Amino acid sequence: MTDMVATADLVFWASWVSFVLGGIVLLIGAFGMIRLPDVWSRIHAAGMIDTLGAALMILGMMLQAGLTLATLKLLLIGVFIFIAGPTATHAIANAAWTAGVKPRNMEKDDSARFTERGTP
């Protein structure tokens, strides 16, 4: 009986640690979205909060739900976010590059290296 209570308490606290860490990552990423200087840095912050912050929050919800159908649904949502988030971030970065938005400290010669020969 006490082992079950100890396990339940451990799962409860592990889920809350996951919630708190996920919230911290989301807050840091949100501040990064506001404070970072250019679109490329902001895209990086958005990618981090999308992937890591959401994964930690979903992990906390999965621990709270236990072994149920809700856990499977949360797992599928997590896999979708893990695949779709970086794909969307790449699409936004590609659109910005195609539109001519250059990184803040990039010289003209640096951008020519990327556009003429592909990646260096």
Protein backbone atom coordinates (compact mmCIF):
# COMPACT_ATOMS: atom_id res chain seq x y z
CA MET A 1 0.00 0.00 0.00
CA THR A 2 2.73 2.48 0.88
CA ASP A 3 4.59 1.64 -2.35
CA MET A 4 1.53 2.64 -4.38
CA VAL A 5 1.21 5.90 -2.45
CA ALA A 6 4.91 6.64 -2.90
CA THR A 7 4.69 5.91 -6.63
CA ALA A 8 1.61 8.12 -6.99
CA ASP A 9 3.38 10.93 -5.15
CA LEU A 10 6.47 10.52 -7.33
CA VAL A 11 4.40 10.68 -10.52
CA PHE A 12 2.50 13.71 -9.18
CA TRP A 13 5.70 15.63 -8.40
CA ALA A 14 7.38 14.57 -11.64
CA SER A 15 4.43 15.91 -13.60
CA TRP A 16 4.56 19.23 -11.77
CA VAL A 17 8.30 19.51 -12.33
CA SER A 18 7.60 18.95 -16.01
CA PHE A 19 4.88 21.64 -15.97
CA VAL A 20 7.14 24.14 -14.22
CA LEU A 21 10.12 23.49 -16.51
CA GLY A 22 7.85 23.71 -19.55
CA GLY A 23 6.44 27.00 -18.29
CA ILE A 24 9.93 28.38 -17.72
CA VAL A 25 11.01 27.38 -21.23
CA LEU A 26 7.87 28.97 -22.69
CA LEU A 27 8.46 32.22 -20.77
CA ILE A 28 12.11 32.42 -21.76
CA GLY A 29 11.19 31.79 -25.38
CA ALA A 30 8.44 34.41 -25.26
CA PHE A 31 10.88 36.99 -23.90
CA GLY A 32 13.31 35.95 -26.62
CA MET A 33 10.65 36.57 -29.25
CA ILE A 34 10.28 40.12 -27.95
CA ARG A 35 13.91 40.97 -27.18
CA LEU A 36 15.97 39.34 -29.94
CA PRO A 37 17.20 41.67 -32.69
CA ASP A 38 16.29 40.07 -36.01
CA VAL A 39 13.89 37.61 -37.60
CA TRP A 40 16.46 34.79 -37.62
CA SER A 41 17.04 34.95 -33.88
CA ARG A 42 13.31 35.14 -33.29
CA ILE A 43 12.70 32.10 -35.47
CA HIS A 44 15.19 30.20 -33.30
CA ALA A 45 13.35 31.24 -30.12
CA ALA A 46 10.02 30.24 -31.62
CA GLY A 47 11.39 26.84 -32.59
CA MET A 48 12.68 26.21 -29.09
CA ILE A 49 9.46 27.10 -27.30
CA ASP A 50 7.44 25.17 -29.84
CA THR A 51 9.41 21.97 -29.45
CA LEU A 52 10.85 21.82 -25.94
CA GLY A 53 8.25 23.84 -24.03
CA ALA A 54 5.30 22.05 -25.55
CA ALA A 55 6.98 18.65 -25.10
CA LEU A 56 7.51 19.27 -21.39
CA MET A 57 3.93 20.44 -20.91
CA ILE A 58 2.56 17.43 -22.77
CA LEU A 59 4.80 15.12 -20.72
CA GLY A 60 3.34 16.62 -17.54
CA MET A 61 -0.18 16.07 -18.82
CA MET A 62 0.65 12.49 -19.77
CA LEU A 63 1.97 11.80 -16.28
CA GLN A 64 -1.19 13.31 -14.77
CA ALA A 65 -3.47 11.25 -17.03
CA GLY A 66 -1.88 7.89 -16.21
CA LEU A 67 -2.21 4.95 -18.60
CA THR A 68 -5.41 5.92 -20.38
CA LEU A 69 -6.62 6.73 -23.86
CA ALA A 70 -5.94 10.39 -23.08
CA THR A 71 -2.25 9.54 -22.72
CA LEU A 72 -2.20 8.00 -26.19
CA LYS A 73 -3.92 11.07 -27.62
CA LEU A 74 -1.42 13.35 -25.90
CA LEU A 75 1.42 11.25 -27.28
CA LEU A 76 0.03 11.62 -30.81
CA ILE A 77 -0.35 15.37 -30.32
CA GLY A 78 3.25 15.52 -29.11
CA VAL A 79 4.52 13.61 -32.14
CA PHE A 80 2.57 15.95 -34.43
CA ILE A 81 4.03 19.04 -32.73
CA PHE A 82 7.52 17.51 -32.81
CA ILE A 83 7.25 17.03 -36.59
CA ALA A 84 5.15 20.03 -37.61
CA GLY A 85 6.93 22.66 -35.48
CA PRO A 86 10.40 22.42 -37.02
CA THR A 87 8.86 22.02 -40.48
CA ALA A 88 6.88 25.24 -40.07
CA THR A 89 9.94 27.03 -38.67
CA HIS A 90 11.96 25.94 -41.71
CA ALA A 91 9.20 27.10 -44.06
CA ILE A 92 9.10 30.53 -42.39
CA ALA A 93 12.90 30.82 -42.53
CA ASN A 94 12.91 29.84 -46.20
CA ALA A 95 10.20 32.39 -46.99
CA ALA A 96 12.15 35.11 -45.16
CA TRP A 97 15.35 34.22 -47.04
CA THR A 98 13.50 34.20 -50.38
CA ALA A 99 11.93 37.57 -49.57
CA GLY A 100 15.41 39.00 -49.08
CA VAL A 101 15.55 39.26 -45.30
CA LYS A 102 19.20 38.86 -44.39
CA PRO A 103 20.70 38.15 -40.97
CA ARG A 104 21.71 41.26 -39.08
CA ASN A 105 25.51 41.09 -39.42
CA MET A 106 25.76 39.36 -42.78
CA GLU A 107 27.94 41.02 -45.40
CA LYS A 108 26.93 41.13 -49.06
CA ASP A 109 29.72 38.67 -49.92
CA ASP A 110 28.36 36.22 -47.34
CA SER A 111 24.90 36.18 -48.91
CA ALA A 112 26.41 35.66 -52.37
CA ARG A 113 28.10 32.51 -51.08
CA PHE A 114 24.70 31.12 -50.11
CA THR A 115 22.76 32.12 -53.22
CA GLU A 116 25.30 31.21 -55.91
CA ARG A 117 26.56 27.85 -54.71
CA GLY A 118 23.94 26.80 -52.20
CA THR A 119 25.19 26.30 -48.68
CA PRO A 120 28.93 26.81 -48.01
